[in-house]
Amino acid sequence: MRSVLTCITVALMADAAAAAAVPCDAPISRQDVRQISRVIRSVTSKPILVIMAVDADKRVPGAVMTGRSFQLDLKTGKRTYRYTRTDLVSCT
């Protein structure tokens, strides 16, 4: 009986740890991820699947060019790089 309780406790702790670690591809700190997760969880019980970066066509203060996001002109093959915002994220 004790081993069953131990297994259940470990499983619950693993679920809690997995829920706390939200996948994030945005250029933000772990502290920002925790704060964003806390705010979202305070208004909804739905799970947070991912926190994603938001890209912009024009440079705004705090935006960085990561090289991961671009628009491709299919006729010329020219890439127009986009800016990744550090002050805005998308959560799903």
PDB file of N, CA and C in Angstrom:
ATOM      1  N   MET A   1       0.824  -1.191   0.000  1.00  0.00           N
ATOM      2  CA  MET A   1       0.000   0.000   0.000  1.00  0.00           C
ATOM      3  C   MET A   1       0.867   1.253   0.000  1.00  0.00           C
ATOM      4  N   ARG A   2       1.962   1.195   0.766  1.00  0.00           N
ATOM      5  CA  ARG A   2       2.834   2.354   0.843  1.00  0.00           C
ATOM      6  C   ARG A   2       3.465   2.663  -0.522  1.00  0.00           C
ATOM      7  N   SER A   3       3.840   1.628  -1.271  1.00  0.00           N
ATOM      8  CA  SER A   3       4.451   1.848  -2.587  1.00  0.00           C
ATOM      9  C   SER A   3       3.450   2.448  -3.575  1.00  0.00           C
ATOM     10  N   VAL A   4       2.186   2.084  -3.458  1.00  0.00           N
ATOM     11  CA  VAL A   4       1.153   2.664  -4.316  1.00  0.00           C
ATOM     12  C   VAL A   4       1.012   4.152  -4.027  1.00  0.00           C
ATOM     13  N   LEU A   5       0.989   4.533  -2.769  1.00  0.00           N
ATOM     14  CA  LEU A   5       0.896   5.941  -2.395  1.00  0.00           C
ATOM     15  C   LEU A   5       2.127   6.709  -2.867  1.00  0.00           C
ATOM     16  N   THR A   6       3.283   6.087  -2.772  1.00  0.00           N
ATOM     17  CA  THR A   6       4.508   6.729  -3.243  1.00  0.00           C
ATOM     18  C   THR A   6       4.447   6.966  -4.748  1.00  0.00           C
ATOM     19  N   CYS A   7       3.971   5.983  -5.490  1.00  0.00           N
ATOM     20  CA  CYS A   7       3.846   6.119  -6.947  1.00  0.00           C
ATOM     21  C   CYS A   7       2.860   7.221  -7.310  1.00  0.00           C
ATOM     22  N   ILE A   8       1.757   7.283  -6.606  1.00  0.00           N
ATOM     23  CA  ILE A   8       0.759   8.325  -6.873  1.00  0.00           C
ATOM     24  C   ILE A   8       1.332   9.694  -6.566  1.00  0.00           C
ATOM     25  N   THR A   9       2.044   9.816  -5.462  1.00  0.00           N
ATOM     26  CA  THR A   9       2.649  11.093  -5.086  1.00  0.00           C
ATOM     27  C   THR A   9       3.668  11.539  -6.119  1.00  0.00           C
ATOM     28  N   VAL A  10       4.504  10.631  -6.578  1.00  0.00           N
ATOM     29  CA  VAL A  10       5.505  10.947  -7.599  1.00  0.00           C
ATOM     30  C   VAL A  10       4.828  11.358  -8.899  1.00  0.00           C
ATOM     31  N   ALA A  11       3.769  10.670  -9.276  1.00  0.00           N
ATOM     32  CA  ALA A  11       3.043  11.008 -10.506  1.00  0.00           C
ATOM     33  C   ALA A  11       2.418  12.393 -10.411  1.00  0.00           C
ATOM     34  N   LEU A  12       1.851  12.717  -9.275  1.00  0.00           N
ATOM     35  CA  LEU A  12       1.250  14.042  -9.091  1.00  0.00           C
ATOM     36  C   LEU A  12       2.313  15.135  -9.127  1.00  0.00           C
ATOM     37  N   MET A  13       3.453  14.870  -8.520  1.00  0.00           N
ATOM     38  CA  MET A  13       4.534  15.849  -8.540  1.00  0.00           C
ATOM     39  C   MET A  13       5.061  16.045  -9.955  1.00  0.00           C
ATOM     40  N   ALA A  14       5.150  14.985 -10.731  1.00  0.00           N
ATOM     41  CA  ALA A  14       5.611  15.085 -12.118  1.00  0.00           C
ATOM     42  C   ALA A  14       4.627  15.888 -12.953  1.00  0.00           C
ATOM     43  N   ASP A  15       3.320  15.664 -12.734  1.00  0.00           N
ATOM     44  CA  ASP A  15       2.308  16.433 -13.450  1.00  0.00           C
ATOM     45  C   ASP A  15       2.405  17.913 -13.103  1.00  0.00           C
ATOM     46  N   ALA A  16       2.600  18.228 -11.843  1.00  0.00           N
ATOM     47  CA  ALA A  16       2.722  19.623 -11.417  1.00  0.00           C
ATOM     48  C   ALA A  16       3.960  20.273 -12.026  1.00  0.00           C
ATOM     49  N   ALA A  17       5.062  19.542 -12.081  1.00  0.00           N
ATOM     50  CA  ALA A  17       6.287  20.078 -12.671  1.00  0.00           C
ATOM     51  C   ALA A  17       6.112  20.300 -14.168  1.00  0.00           C
ATOM     52  N   ALA A  18       5.441  19.379 -14.839  1.00  0.00           N
ATOM     53  CA  ALA A  18       5.206  19.524 -16.275  1.00  0.00           C
ATOM     54  C   ALA A  18       4.284  20.704 -16.557  1.00  0.00           C
ATOM     55  N   ALA A  19       3.306  20.911 -15.702  1.00  0.00           N
ATOM     56  CA  ALA A  19       2.387  22.037 -15.887  1.00  0.00           C
ATOM     57  C   ALA A  19       3.101  23.358 -15.672  1.00  0.00           C
ATOM     58  N   ALA A  20       4.081  23.381 -14.798  1.00  0.00           N
ATOM     59  CA  ALA A  20       4.801  24.615 -14.506  1.00  0.00           C
ATOM     60  C   ALA A  20       5.766  24.980 -15.627  1.00  0.00           C
ATOM     61  N   ALA A  21       6.278  24.000 -16.351  1.00  0.00           N
ATOM     62  CA  ALA A  21       7.242  24.248 -17.414  1.00  0.00           C
ATOM     63  C   ALA A  21       6.509  24.408 -18.740  1.00  0.00           C
ATOM     64  N   VAL A  22       6.153  25.640 -19.077  1.00  0.00           N
ATOM     65  CA  VAL A  22       5.434  25.922 -20.309  1.00  0.00           C
ATOM     66  C   VAL A  22       6.450  26.087 -21.443  1.00  0.00           C
ATOM     67  N   PRO A  23       6.287  25.388 -22.558  1.00  0.00           N
ATOM     68  CA  PRO A  23       7.204  25.573 -23.685  1.00  0.00           C
ATOM     69  C   PRO A  23       7.153  27.023 -24.181  1.00  0.00           C
ATOM     70  N   CYS A  24       8.311  27.579 -24.444  1.00  0.00           N
ATOM     71  CA  CYS A  24       8.383  28.978 -24.860  1.00  0.00           C
ATOM     72  C   CYS A  24       9.472  29.148 -25.902  1.00  0.00           C
ATOM     73  N   ASP A  25       9.129  29.761 -27.050  1.00  0.00           N
ATOM     74  CA  ASP A  25      10.142  30.048 -28.058  1.00  0.00           C
ATOM     75  C   ASP A  25      10.409  31.545 -28.178  1.00  0.00           C
ATOM     76  N   ALA A  26       9.809  32.339 -27.316  1.00  0.00           N
ATOM     77  CA  ALA A  26      10.001  33.783 -27.332  1.00  0.00           C
ATOM     78  C   ALA A  26      11.312  34.144 -26.621  1.00  0.00           C
ATOM     79  N   PRO A  27      11.962  35.231 -27.043  1.00  0.00           N
ATOM     80  CA  PRO A  27      13.213  35.634 -26.407  1.00  0.00           C
ATOM     81  C   PRO A  27      12.951  36.386 -25.093  1.00  0.00           C
ATOM     82  N   ILE A  28      12.411  35.668 -24.111  1.00  0.00           N
ATOM     83  CA  ILE A  28      12.114  36.259 -22.807  1.00  0.00           C
ATOM     84  C   ILE A  28      12.720  35.378 -21.715  1.00  0.00           C
ATOM     85  N   SER A  29      12.842  35.939 -20.532  1.00  0.00           N
ATOM     86  CA  SER A  29      13.473  35.211 -19.436  1.00  0.00           C
ATOM     87  C   SER A  29      12.523  34.173 -18.836  1.00  0.00           C
ATOM     88  N   ARG A  30      13.093  33.254 -18.069  1.00  0.00           N
ATOM     89  CA  ARG A  30      12.271  32.250 -17.380  1.00  0.00           C
ATOM     90  C   ARG A  30      11.344  32.917 -16.375  1.00  0.00           C
ATOM     91  N   GLN A  31      11.819  33.983 -15.763  1.00  0.00           N
ATOM     92  CA  GLN A  31      10.980  34.722 -14.814  1.00  0.00           C
ATOM     93  C   GLN A  31       9.767  35.314 -15.531  1.00  0.00           C
ATOM     94  N   ASP A  32       9.978  35.851 -16.734  1.00  0.00           N
ATOM     95  CA  ASP A  32       8.854  36.373 -17.521  1.00  0.00           C
ATOM     96  C   ASP A  32       7.860  35.265 -17.848  1.00  0.00           C
ATOM     97  N   VAL A  33       8.372  34.079 -18.208  1.00  0.00           N
ATOM     98  CA  VAL A  33       7.496  32.942 -18.516  1.00  0.00           C
ATOM     99  C   VAL A  33       6.660  32.592 -17.293  1.00  0.00           C
ATOM    100  N   ARG A  34       7.290  32.560 -16.113  1.00  0.00           N
ATOM    101  CA  ARG A  34       6.548  32.247 -14.881  1.00  0.00           C
ATOM    102  C   ARG A  34       5.488  33.303 -14.588  1.00  0.00           C
ATOM    103  N   GLN A  35       5.827  34.578 -14.766  1.00  0.00           N
ATOM    104  CA  GLN A  35       4.860  35.646 -14.504  1.00  0.00           C
ATOM    105  C   GLN A  35       3.695  35.600 -15.489  1.00  0.00           C
ATOM    106  N   ILE A  36       3.988  35.384 -16.760  1.00  0.00           N
ATOM    107  CA  ILE A  36       2.931  35.297 -17.771  1.00  0.00           C
ATOM    108  C   ILE A  36       2.026  34.106 -17.460  1.00  0.00           C
ATOM    109  N   SER A  37       2.627  32.979 -17.121  1.00  0.00           N
ATOM    110  CA  SER A  37       1.845  31.783 -16.785  1.00  0.00           C
ATOM    111  C   SER A  37       0.950  32.043 -15.579  1.00  0.00           C
ATOM    112  N   ARG A  38       1.485  32.713 -14.577  1.00  0.00           N
ATOM    113  CA  ARG A  38       0.713  33.010 -13.364  1.00  0.00           C
ATOM    114  C   ARG A  38      -0.494  33.898 -13.684  1.00  0.00           C
ATOM    115  N   VAL A  39      -0.281  34.900 -14.518  1.00  0.00           N
ATOM    116  CA  VAL A  39      -1.378  35.813 -14.875  1.00  0.00           C
ATOM    117  C   VAL A  39      -2.459  35.077 -15.660  1.00  0.00           C
ATOM    118  N   ILE A  40      -2.055  34.266 -16.625  1.00  0.00           N
ATOM    119  CA  ILE A  40      -3.035  33.545 -17.444  1.00  0.00           C
ATOM    120  C   ILE A  40      -3.798  32.537 -16.600  1.00  0.00           C
ATOM    121  N   ARG A  41      -3.094  31.826 -15.738  1.00  0.00           N
ATOM    122  CA  ARG A  41      -3.771  30.834 -14.896  1.00  0.00           C
ATOM    123  C   ARG A  41      -4.711  31.469 -13.883  1.00  0.00           C
ATOM    124  N   SER A  42      -4.525  32.765 -13.592  1.00  0.00           N
ATOM    125  CA  SER A  42      -5.431  33.422 -12.648  1.00  0.00           C
ATOM    126  C   SER A  42      -6.778  33.754 -13.279  1.00  0.00           C
ATOM    127  N   VAL A  43      -6.845  33.761 -14.625  1.00  0.00           N
ATOM    128  CA  VAL A  43      -8.105  34.108 -15.285  1.00  0.00           C
ATOM    129  C   VAL A  43      -8.749  32.948 -16.034  1.00  0.00           C
ATOM    130  N   THR A  44      -8.020  31.838 -16.208  1.00  0.00           N
ATOM    131  CA  THR A  44      -8.603  30.692 -16.900  1.00  0.00           C
ATOM    132  C   THR A  44      -8.020  29.393 -16.354  1.00  0.00           C
ATOM    133  N   SER A  45      -8.810  28.345 -16.462  1.00  0.00           N
ATOM    134  CA  SER A  45      -8.328  27.030 -16.025  1.00  0.00           C
ATOM    135  C   SER A  45      -7.809  26.208 -17.203  1.00  0.00           C
ATOM    136  N   LYS A  46      -7.914  26.739 -18.410  1.00  0.00           N
ATOM    137  CA  LYS A  46      -7.421  26.019 -19.586  1.00  0.00           C
ATOM    138  C   LYS A  46      -5.896  25.945 -19.528  1.00  0.00           C
ATOM    139  N   PRO A  47      -5.325  24.853 -20.024  1.00  0.00           N
ATOM    140  CA  PRO A  47      -3.864  24.717 -19.980  1.00  0.00           C
ATOM    141  C   PRO A  47      -3.190  25.668 -20.976  1.00  0.00           C
ATOM    142  N   ILE A  48      -1.992  26.102 -20.632  1.00  0.00           N
ATOM    143  CA  ILE A  48      -1.182  26.908 -21.542  1.00  0.00           C
ATOM    144  C   ILE A  48      -0.347  25.926 -22.351  1.00  0.00           C
ATOM    145  N   LEU A  49      -0.550  25.896 -23.647  1.00  0.00           N
ATOM    146  CA  LEU A  49       0.164  24.943 -24.497  1.00  0.00           C
ATOM    147  C   LEU A  49       1.551  25.444 -24.866  1.00  0.00           C
ATOM    148  N   VAL A  50       1.655  26.725 -25.212  1.00  0.00           N
ATOM    149  CA  VAL A  50       2.934  27.279 -25.632  1.00  0.00           C
ATOM    150  C   VAL A  50       2.890  28.805 -25.551  1.00  0.00           C
ATOM    151  N   ILE A  51       4.031  29.395 -25.298  1.00  0.00           N
ATOM    152  CA  ILE A  51       4.201  30.846 -25.377  1.00  0.00           C
ATOM    153  C   ILE A  51       5.102  31.088 -26.582  1.00  0.00           C
ATOM    154  N   MET A  52       4.576  31.848 -27.556  1.00  0.00           N
ATOM    155  CA  MET A  52       5.289  32.036 -28.816  1.00  0.00           C
ATOM    156  C   MET A  52       5.730  33.484 -28.996  1.00  0.00           C
ATOM    157  N   ALA A  53       6.779  33.657 -29.763  1.00  0.00           N
ATOM    158  CA  ALA A  53       7.267  34.988 -30.113  1.00  0.00           C
ATOM    159  C   ALA A  53       6.312  35.635 -31.108  1.00  0.00           C
ATOM    160  N   VAL A  54       6.270  36.956 -31.094  1.00  0.00           N
ATOM    161  CA  VAL A  54       5.463  37.721 -32.043  1.00  0.00           C
ATOM    162  C   VAL A  54       6.431  38.493 -32.934  1.00  0.00           C
ATOM    163  N   ASP A  55       6.236  38.412 -34.237  1.00  0.00           N
ATOM    164  CA  ASP A  55       7.112  39.082 -35.198  1.00  0.00           C
ATOM    165  C   ASP A  55       6.435  40.311 -35.776  1.00  0.00           C
ATOM    166  N   ALA A  56       7.264  41.289 -36.174  1.00  0.00           N
ATOM    167  CA  ALA A  56       6.769  42.524 -36.768  1.00  0.00           C
ATOM    168  C   ALA A  56       7.561  42.811 -38.038  1.00  0.00           C
ATOM    169  N   ASP A  57       6.911  43.474 -38.987  1.00  0.00           N
ATOM    170  CA  ASP A  57       7.581  43.828 -40.234  1.00  0.00           C
ATOM    171  C   ASP A  57       8.568  44.966 -40.044  1.00  0.00           C
ATOM    172  N   LYS A  58       8.224  45.897 -39.148  1.00  0.00           N
ATOM    173  CA  LYS A  58       9.075  47.069 -38.915  1.00  0.00           C
ATOM    174  C   LYS A  58       9.666  46.998 -37.514  1.00  0.00           C
ATOM    175  N   ARG A  59      10.812  47.628 -37.355  1.00  0.00           N
ATOM    176  CA  ARG A  59      11.481  47.642 -36.067  1.00  0.00           C
ATOM    177  C   ARG A  59      10.712  48.513 -35.083  1.00  0.00           C
ATOM    178  N   VAL A  60      10.533  47.986 -33.892  1.00  0.00           N
ATOM    179  CA  VAL A  60       9.938  48.734 -32.783  1.00  0.00           C
ATOM    180  C   VAL A  60      10.932  48.663 -31.622  1.00  0.00           C
ATOM    181  N   PRO A  61      10.860  49.594 -30.671  1.00  0.00           N
ATOM    182  CA  PRO A  61      11.793  49.559 -29.547  1.00  0.00           C
ATOM    183  C   PRO A  61      11.743  48.208 -28.828  1.00  0.00           C
ATOM    184  N   GLY A  62      12.897  47.623 -28.617  1.00  0.00           N
ATOM    185  CA  GLY A  62      12.985  46.343 -27.926  1.00  0.00           C
ATOM    186  C   GLY A  62      12.908  45.133 -28.841  1.00  0.00           C
ATOM    187  N   ALA A  63      12.659  45.336 -30.125  1.00  0.00           N
ATOM    188  CA  ALA A  63      12.581  44.208 -31.060  1.00  0.00           C
ATOM    189  C   ALA A  63      13.988  43.801 -31.479  1.00  0.00           C
ATOM    190  N   VAL A  64      14.145  42.515 -31.755  1.00  0.00           N
ATOM    191  CA  VAL A  64      15.444  41.995 -32.188  1.00  0.00           C
ATOM    192  C   VAL A  64      15.267  41.205 -33.480  1.00  0.00           C
ATOM    193  N   MET A  65      16.321  41.173 -34.291  1.00  0.00           N
ATOM    194  CA  MET A  65      16.276  40.375 -35.503  1.00  0.00           C
ATOM    195  C   MET A  65      16.978  39.052 -35.188  1.00  0.00           C
ATOM    196  N   THR A  66      16.206  37.979 -35.135  1.00  0.00           N
ATOM    197  CA  THR A  66      16.763  36.683 -34.775  1.00  0.00           C
ATOM    198  C   THR A  66      17.201  35.889 -35.999  1.00  0.00           C
ATOM    199  N   GLY A  67      16.690  36.238 -37.163  1.00  0.00           N
ATOM    200  CA  GLY A  67      17.013  35.495 -38.369  1.00  0.00           C
ATOM    201  C   GLY A  67      16.120  34.286 -38.582  1.00  0.00           C
ATOM    202  N   ARG A  68      15.223  34.022 -37.618  1.00  0.00           N
ATOM    203  CA  ARG A  68      14.322  32.865 -37.746  1.00  0.00           C
ATOM    204  C   ARG A  68      13.075  33.186 -38.540  1.00  0.00           C
ATOM    205  N   SER A  69      12.715  34.452 -38.590  1.00  0.00           N
ATOM    206  CA  SER A  69      11.473  34.830 -39.245  1.00  0.00           C
ATOM    207  C   SER A  69      11.776  35.747 -40.430  1.00  0.00           C
ATOM    208  N   PHE A  70      11.236  35.402 -41.589  1.00  0.00           N
ATOM    209  CA  PHE A  70      11.441  36.219 -42.777  1.00  0.00           C
ATOM    210  C   PHE A  70      10.304  35.989 -43.755  1.00  0.00           C
ATOM    211  N   GLN A  71      10.165  36.943 -44.677  1.00  0.00           N
ATOM    212  CA  GLN A  71       9.234  36.783 -45.789  1.00  0.00           C
ATOM    213  C   GLN A  71      10.073  36.501 -47.027  1.00  0.00           C
ATOM    214  N   LEU A  72       9.643  35.524 -47.786  1.00  0.00           N
ATOM    215  CA  LEU A  72      10.398  35.119 -48.966  1.00  0.00           C
ATOM    216  C   LEU A  72       9.672  35.565 -50.219  1.00  0.00           C
ATOM    217  N   ASP A  73      10.369  36.319 -51.068  1.00  0.00           N
ATOM    218  CA  ASP A  73       9.830  36.702 -52.371  1.00  0.00           C
ATOM    219  C   ASP A  73      10.083  35.521 -53.309  1.00  0.00           C
ATOM    220  N   LEU A  74       9.028  34.864 -53.742  1.00  0.00           N
ATOM    221  CA  LEU A  74       9.169  33.653 -54.558  1.00  0.00           C
ATOM    222  C   LEU A  74       9.744  33.926 -55.936  1.00  0.00           C
ATOM    223  N   LYS A  75       9.569  35.130 -56.463  1.00  0.00           N
ATOM    224  CA  LYS A  75      10.096  35.447 -57.795  1.00  0.00           C
ATOM    225  C   LYS A  75      11.605  35.668 -57.754  1.00  0.00           C
ATOM    226  N   THR A  76      12.074  36.400 -56.765  1.00  0.00           N
ATOM    227  CA  THR A  76      13.499  36.746 -56.712  1.00  0.00           C
ATOM    228  C   THR A  76      14.286  35.873 -55.736  1.00  0.00           C
ATOM    229  N   GLY A  77      13.592  35.232 -54.818  1.00  0.00           N
ATOM    230  CA  GLY A  77      14.273  34.438 -53.804  1.00  0.00           C
ATOM    231  C   GLY A  77      14.842  35.271 -52.667  1.00  0.00           C
ATOM    232  N   LYS A  78      14.511  36.567 -52.647  1.00  0.00           N
ATOM    233  CA  LYS A  78      15.048  37.475 -51.631  1.00  0.00           C
ATOM    234  C   LYS A  78      14.288  37.303 -50.314  1.00  0.00           C
ATOM    235  N   ARG A  79      15.049  37.242 -49.240  1.00  0.00           N
ATOM    236  CA  ARG A  79      14.461  37.160 -47.904  1.00  0.00           C
ATOM    237  C   ARG A  79      14.402  38.548 -47.281  1.00  0.00           C
ATOM    238  N   THR A  80      13.245  38.897 -46.734  1.00  0.00           N
ATOM    239  CA  THR A  80      13.100  40.123 -45.959  1.00  0.00           C
ATOM    240  C   THR A  80      12.897  39.691 -44.510  1.00  0.00           C
ATOM    241  N   TYR A  81      13.914  39.942 -43.705  1.00  0.00           N
ATOM    242  CA  TYR A  81      13.862  39.486 -42.322  1.00  0.00           C
ATOM    243  C   TYR A  81      12.885  40.303 -41.512  1.00  0.00           C
ATOM    244  N   ARG A  82      12.253  39.651 -40.542  1.00  0.00           N
ATOM    245  CA  ARG A  82      11.278  40.288 -39.666  1.00  0.00           C
ATOM    246  C   ARG A  82      11.881  40.434 -38.274  1.00  0.00           C
ATOM    247  N   TYR A  83      11.305  41.309 -37.486  1.00  0.00           N
ATOM    248  CA  TYR A  83      11.790  41.594 -36.139  1.00  0.00           C
ATOM    249  C   TYR A  83      10.953  40.837 -35.112  1.00  0.00           C
ATOM    250  N   THR A  84      11.611  40.218 -34.157  1.00  0.00           N
ATOM    251  CA  THR A  84      10.938  39.507 -33.078  1.00  0.00           C
ATOM    252  C   THR A  84      10.813  40.446 -31.898  1.00  0.00           C
ATOM    253  N   ARG A  85       9.588  40.624 -31.429  1.00  0.00           N
ATOM    254  CA  ARG A  85       9.332  41.547 -30.324  1.00  0.00           C
ATOM    255  C   ARG A  85       9.651  40.885 -28.989  1.00  0.00           C
ATOM    256  N   THR A  86      10.271  41.651 -28.102  1.00  0.00           N
ATOM    257  CA  THR A  86      10.581  41.152 -26.761  1.00  0.00           C
ATOM    258  C   THR A  86       9.568  41.655 -25.736  1.00  0.00           C
ATOM    259  N   ASP A  87       8.664  42.543 -26.168  1.00  0.00           N
ATOM    260  CA  ASP A  87       7.674  43.100 -25.251  1.00  0.00           C
ATOM    261  C   ASP A  87       6.273  42.524 -25.465  1.00  0.00           C
ATOM    262  N   LEU A  88       6.156  41.555 -26.371  1.00  0.00           N
ATOM    263  CA  LEU A  88       4.843  41.010 -26.712  1.00  0.00           C
ATOM    264  C   LEU A  88       4.995  39.528 -27.047  1.00  0.00           C
ATOM    265  N   VAL A  89       4.108  38.707 -26.497  1.00  0.00           N
ATOM    266  CA  VAL A  89       4.114  37.279 -26.802  1.00  0.00           C
ATOM    267  C   VAL A  89       2.688  36.831 -27.107  1.00  0.00           C
ATOM    268  N   SER A  90       2.583  35.661 -27.705  1.00  0.00           N
ATOM    269  CA  SER A  90       1.291  35.058 -27.989  1.00  0.00           C
ATOM    270  C   SER A  90       1.202  33.753 -27.202  1.00  0.00           C
ATOM    271  N   CYS A  91       0.095  33.566 -26.512  1.00  0.00           N
ATOM    272  CA  CYS A  91      -0.087  32.362 -25.693  1.00  0.00           C
ATOM    273  C   CYS A  91      -1.273  31.569 -26.227  1.00  0.00           C
ATOM    274  N   THR A  92      -1.077  30.265 -26.378  1.00  0.00           N
ATOM    275  CA  THR A  92      -2.182  29.392 -26.772  1.00  0.00           C
ATOM    276  C   THR A  92      -2.252  28.221 -25.841  1.00  0.00           C
TER     277      THR A  92
END
